[in-house]
Structure formats: structure tokens, C-alpha cells
Amino acid sequence: MYNSGYLMLVVVTLIIGLGAQWYVNSQLKKYTHVAVGNGLTGAECARQMLAYYGIQGVQVFRGGPGQDYFDPRSNSVTLSPEAYDGRTITATATACHEVGHACQYAADYTPMKIRGAIVPAVNLASNAWIFLLMFGIFMQLAGLVDLAIIMYAVVVLFQLVTLPVEFNASRRAMVYMGQIGLPQQEQSGAWHVLRACALTYVAAALTSVLQLLWLLGQRQD
């Protein structure tokens, strides 16, 4: 089932992933050192955005390094130390993006609901599909290989549904920053940060789709 085509796939996906990561790191590093004019920390900005849209009951927590996320289970926003305490464009953009997810949750945003509904299946599939695939290939069990591919397709679907969720959260963040009168130069910087972060989701989805197409092509052969 594996051939030189798979090696090419690995190389292509590696280039995509490394390229996306390099761009993200460069943008985050650049705007982490650019202060926002209003002097607000990311945490303060997040709380003000929640108040601006009248969203109540959402707590903003200080997390560990790299922990920037909205948790619908606890209806809370967690920000990394850099975003929580930072008074930079990167901190502001990150905080507003995560609050954008809180806004989605409050508004019953359909793609977010779909993504949440398939999380249990994704958790199972993401951990099991590769083992089923390897076992199916080793034992020459076509049915098990097909099941593995179906499970991987669920993972790919999750990544595709994630794209509009992330793009919409960034759009909400940019709309808010425009409405509160953030200077255009700072908005531009925030947009560069959010666009770079979105690229990681695009890269992940693209590599997963390529992997799925390769698996389907090999199965047909």
C-alpha cells in the first residue's frame, strides 16, 4: 500500500506545515513587541469585549504557555501568560479572537455547534484510525482498512468545519476592534496576527485532505 508516492506526500505536507509555522512565528514575534495605544492587557481587552456585546457568565483565566482557547464546557476563555498580561497587538488580537468564540457560543453559531457535536467521534477516530489501518494492512483485511479510512475522514471533516469557526472568530475580533476605534495601524497588525494563526488551520486541513485523498487512491488501486 505504501510506495514512493507516499514519500512525496510526506515531503509536501512537511513543507506546508513548516512553512505555515515559520510564517506564524514571524508574525507573532513581530507584533509581540508592538504595544497597543490603549495600554490594556489581553485579559482586560477580553473582559471589555465581553461587556461590549453584553455576554455574561464568561470567565477569563490565566493559563499556561501556549494555552489560548475558549472552552464551551465551562463557558470560559483561557489566555496564555503572554496574552493575558501582555499589552501588545498580539495579546489584543489573541484575546479578541478567543472572545469571538465566546460570541459564537452565545449566538448558537451553527458551524461551532456542528464541530461540538462531532467531537466525541473525532476523539475516538483520531486515536484509533492509524492502528486500524496498520493492522488491516498487516493482516490484509480490506474491511478494517476501509473502516480506518472512514474514521480518518471524520477527523478531516472536523478540521474542515473548524475553518469557518476560526475565520468567523477572527472576523468578529476585527469588527470589535474597528468599532471601539482601535487605530488603523494597530488593526492592520492585529489582522496580520490573526491571518497568520488562521494559516495553521488551513495548513492542517490541507495536509489532512491530501492524506485522505492518497489513502482513497491507494484503496482503489
Protein backbone atom coordinates (compact mmCIF):
# COMPACT_ATOMS: atom_id res chain seq x y z
CA MET A 1 0.00 0.00 0.00
CA TYR A 2 2.97 2.33 0.61
CA ASN A 3 5.10 3.50 -2.32
CA SER A 4 7.22 6.42 -3.49
CA GLY A 5 4.04 8.49 -3.78
CA TYR A 6 3.69 8.39 -0.01
CA LEU A 7 7.21 9.72 0.44
CA MET A 8 6.29 12.61 -1.84
CA LEU A 9 3.16 13.21 0.23
CA VAL A 10 5.22 13.31 3.41
CA VAL A 11 7.63 15.82 1.89
CA VAL A 12 4.82 18.07 0.59
CA THR A 13 2.92 18.06 3.87
CA LEU A 14 6.12 18.71 5.80
CA ILE A 15 6.88 21.73 3.64
CA ILE A 16 3.33 23.04 4.10
CA GLY A 17 3.48 22.58 7.86
CA LEU A 18 6.92 24.09 8.33
CA GLY A 19 6.14 27.00 6.03
CA ALA A 20 2.95 27.82 7.90
CA GLN A 21 4.69 27.56 11.27
CA TRP A 22 7.54 29.81 10.15
CA TYR A 23 5.09 32.48 8.98
CA VAL A 24 3.06 32.30 12.19
CA ASN A 25 6.13 32.57 14.39
CA SER A 26 7.46 35.52 12.41
CA GLN A 27 4.20 37.46 12.70
CA LEU A 28 3.69 36.68 16.38
CA LYS A 29 7.26 37.65 17.18
CA LYS A 30 6.95 40.88 15.21
CA TYR A 31 3.76 42.12 16.86
CA THR A 32 4.54 40.79 20.33
CA HIS A 33 6.92 43.72 20.62
CA VAL A 34 4.42 46.34 19.36
CA ALA A 35 2.43 47.95 22.18
CA VAL A 36 -1.24 48.90 21.86
CA GLY A 37 -2.09 52.52 22.35
CA ASN A 38 -4.90 51.94 24.86
CA GLY A 39 -2.50 50.20 27.26
CA LEU A 40 -4.93 47.36 28.01
CA THR A 41 -3.73 43.86 28.79
CA GLY A 42 -5.19 40.98 26.81
CA ALA A 43 -7.30 39.98 29.81
CA GLU A 44 -8.70 43.49 30.18
CA CYS A 45 -9.42 43.63 26.47
CA ALA A 46 -11.22 40.28 26.61
CA ARG A 47 -13.43 41.39 29.50
CA GLN A 48 -14.24 44.67 27.80
CA MET A 49 -15.22 42.90 24.59
CA LEU A 50 -17.50 40.55 26.53
CA ALA A 51 -19.12 43.55 28.23
CA TYR A 52 -19.41 45.41 24.92
CA TYR A 53 -21.53 42.61 23.47
CA GLY A 54 -23.45 42.03 26.69
CA ILE A 55 -22.15 38.48 27.16
CA GLN A 56 -22.35 37.48 30.80
CA GLY A 57 -21.08 34.50 32.75
CA VAL A 58 -17.85 34.06 30.78
CA GLN A 59 -14.74 33.99 32.95
CA VAL A 60 -11.27 34.88 31.67
CA PHE A 61 -8.49 32.74 33.10
CA ARG A 62 -4.71 32.90 33.00
CA GLY A 63 -3.42 29.66 31.51
CA GLY A 64 -0.03 28.21 30.79
CA PRO A 65 2.28 28.93 27.85
CA GLY A 66 0.51 28.45 24.54
CA GLN A 67 -2.89 27.99 26.18
CA ASP A 68 -5.19 30.32 24.28
CA TYR A 69 -8.66 28.87 23.85
CA PHE A 70 -12.38 29.14 24.54
CA ASP A 71 -13.92 26.20 26.41
CA PRO A 72 -17.66 25.82 25.72
CA ARG A 73 -17.97 23.25 28.50
CA SER A 74 -17.14 25.82 31.18
CA ASN A 75 -18.04 28.82 29.01
CA SER A 76 -14.66 30.37 29.75
CA VAL A 77 -11.73 31.96 27.95
CA THR A 78 -8.19 30.95 28.83
CA LEU A 79 -5.24 33.08 27.75
CA SER A 80 -1.54 32.31 27.87
CA PRO A 81 0.61 34.50 30.14
CA GLU A 82 1.80 36.46 27.10
CA ALA A 83 -1.77 37.18 26.00
CA TYR A 84 -3.26 37.58 29.48
CA ASP A 85 -0.69 40.05 30.80
CA GLY A 86 0.61 41.47 27.53
CA ARG A 87 -0.19 44.97 26.35
CA THR A 88 0.70 44.28 22.73
CA ILE A 89 -1.02 43.86 19.40
CA THR A 90 -0.52 40.11 19.58
CA ALA A 91 -2.12 39.97 23.04
CA THR A 92 -5.07 42.11 21.92
CA ALA A 93 -5.64 40.10 18.73
CA THR A 94 -5.42 36.79 20.61
CA ALA A 95 -7.80 37.89 23.35
CA CYS A 96 -10.37 39.27 20.92
CA HIS A 97 -10.20 36.12 18.80
CA GLU A 98 -10.93 33.87 21.77
CA VAL A 99 -13.78 36.12 22.87
CA GLY A 100 -15.00 35.81 19.29
CA HIS A 101 -15.54 32.13 20.05
CA ALA A 102 -17.47 33.07 23.18
CA CYS A 103 -19.66 35.29 20.99
CA GLN A 104 -20.24 32.37 18.64
CA TYR A 105 -21.26 30.17 21.55
CA ALA A 106 -23.66 32.81 22.88
CA ALA A 107 -25.21 33.19 19.41
CA ASP A 108 -25.50 29.41 18.76
CA TYR A 109 -23.25 29.75 15.72
CA THR A 110 -24.08 26.73 13.55
CA PRO A 111 -20.55 25.63 12.50
CA MET A 112 -19.48 25.70 16.15
CA LYS A 113 -22.46 23.53 17.09
CA ILE A 114 -21.61 21.07 14.31
CA ARG A 115 -17.99 20.92 15.41
CA GLY A 116 -19.00 20.35 19.01
CA ALA A 117 -21.40 17.57 18.01
CA ILE A 118 -18.71 15.53 16.27
CA VAL A 119 -16.02 15.98 18.95
CA PRO A 120 -16.70 12.58 20.63
CA ALA A 121 -16.41 10.77 17.31
CA VAL A 122 -13.26 12.71 16.45
CA ASN A 123 -11.64 11.89 19.79
CA LEU A 124 -12.17 8.19 19.10
CA ALA A 125 -11.22 8.29 15.43
CA SER A 126 -8.09 10.40 15.82
CA ASN A 127 -6.58 7.90 18.25
CA ALA A 128 -7.72 4.68 16.58
CA TRP A 129 -7.60 5.10 12.80
CA ILE A 130 -3.85 4.65 12.31
CA PHE A 131 -3.76 1.47 14.41
CA LEU A 132 -6.69 0.01 12.50
CA LEU A 133 -5.01 0.94 9.21
CA MET A 134 -1.70 -0.69 10.13
CA PHE A 135 -3.38 -3.79 11.49
CA GLY A 136 -5.63 -4.03 8.44
CA ILE A 137 -2.65 -3.77 6.09
CA PHE A 138 -0.61 -6.28 8.07
CA MET A 139 -3.45 -8.80 8.25
CA GLN A 140 -4.66 -7.96 4.73
CA LEU A 141 -8.14 -7.18 5.97
CA ALA A 142 -9.71 -4.81 3.45
CA GLY A 143 -12.73 -4.16 5.66
CA LEU A 144 -10.55 -2.95 8.51
CA VAL A 145 -8.61 -0.67 6.16
CA ASP A 146 -11.89 0.79 4.91
CA LEU A 147 -13.02 1.40 8.49
CA ALA A 148 -9.73 3.16 9.24
CA ILE A 149 -10.17 5.41 6.21
CA ILE A 150 -13.74 6.25 7.24
CA MET A 151 -12.54 7.15 10.73
CA TYR A 152 -9.81 9.35 9.29
CA ALA A 153 -12.41 11.04 7.08
CA VAL A 154 -14.25 12.03 10.26
CA VAL A 155 -11.05 13.70 11.50
CA VAL A 156 -10.71 15.54 8.19
CA LEU A 157 -14.33 16.67 8.39
CA PHE A 158 -13.68 18.11 11.83
CA GLN A 159 -10.71 20.09 10.53
CA LEU A 160 -12.75 21.42 7.62
CA VAL A 161 -15.60 22.50 9.90
CA THR A 162 -13.03 24.18 12.14
CA LEU A 163 -12.04 26.58 9.36
CA PRO A 164 -15.24 28.68 9.27
CA VAL A 165 -15.30 28.67 13.08
CA GLU A 166 -11.79 30.13 13.26
CA PHE A 167 -12.30 32.57 10.38
CA ASN A 168 -15.54 33.85 11.89
CA ALA A 169 -13.96 34.33 15.33
CA SER A 170 -11.22 36.42 13.74
CA ARG A 171 -13.79 38.43 11.78
CA ARG A 172 -15.70 39.16 15.00
CA ALA A 173 -12.45 40.25 16.63
CA MET A 174 -11.65 42.63 13.78
CA VAL A 175 -15.18 44.08 13.78
CA TYR A 176 -14.93 44.76 17.51
CA MET A 177 -11.53 46.41 17.22
CA GLY A 178 -12.90 48.63 14.48
CA GLN A 179 -15.99 49.56 16.49
CA ILE A 180 -14.01 50.63 19.56
CA GLY A 181 -11.80 52.84 17.41
CA LEU A 182 -8.51 50.96 17.57
CA PRO A 183 -6.06 52.89 15.35
CA GLN A 184 -5.89 51.60 11.79
CA GLN A 185 -2.22 50.71 12.10
CA GLU A 186 -2.93 48.57 15.15
CA GLN A 187 -5.90 46.94 13.41
CA SER A 188 -3.63 46.11 10.50
CA GLY A 189 -1.14 44.48 12.85
CA ALA A 190 -3.89 42.50 14.56
CA TRP A 191 -5.13 41.31 11.18
CA HIS A 192 -1.65 40.07 10.27
CA VAL A 193 -1.50 38.12 13.53
CA LEU A 194 -4.94 36.57 13.07
CA ARG A 195 -4.32 35.74 9.43
CA ALA A 196 -1.07 34.02 10.33
CA CYS A 197 -2.75 31.95 13.03
CA ALA A 198 -5.57 31.01 10.63
CA LEU A 199 -2.94 29.73 8.21
CA THR A 200 -2.05 26.95 10.66
CA TYR A 201 -5.63 25.64 10.46
CA VAL A 202 -5.60 25.89 6.68
CA ALA A 203 -2.30 24.03 6.51
CA ALA A 204 -3.55 21.30 8.84
CA ALA A 205 -6.76 20.86 6.84
CA LEU A 206 -4.89 20.82 3.53
CA THR A 207 -2.40 18.18 4.66
CA SER A 208 -5.22 16.05 6.07
CA VAL A 209 -7.19 16.26 2.82
CA LEU A 210 -4.09 15.29 0.83
CA GLN A 211 -3.54 12.34 3.15
CA LEU A 212 -7.16 11.25 2.79
CA LEU A 213 -7.04 11.51 -1.00
CA TRP A 214 -3.87 9.43 -1.03
CA LEU A 215 -5.47 6.75 1.14
CA LEU A 216 -8.54 6.63 -1.09
CA GLY A 217 -6.34 6.40 -4.18
CA GLN A 218 -4.36 3.52 -2.70
CA ARG A 219 -7.55 1.74 -1.67
CA GLN A 220 -8.88 1.92 -5.23
CA ASP A 221 -5.61 0.50 -6.57
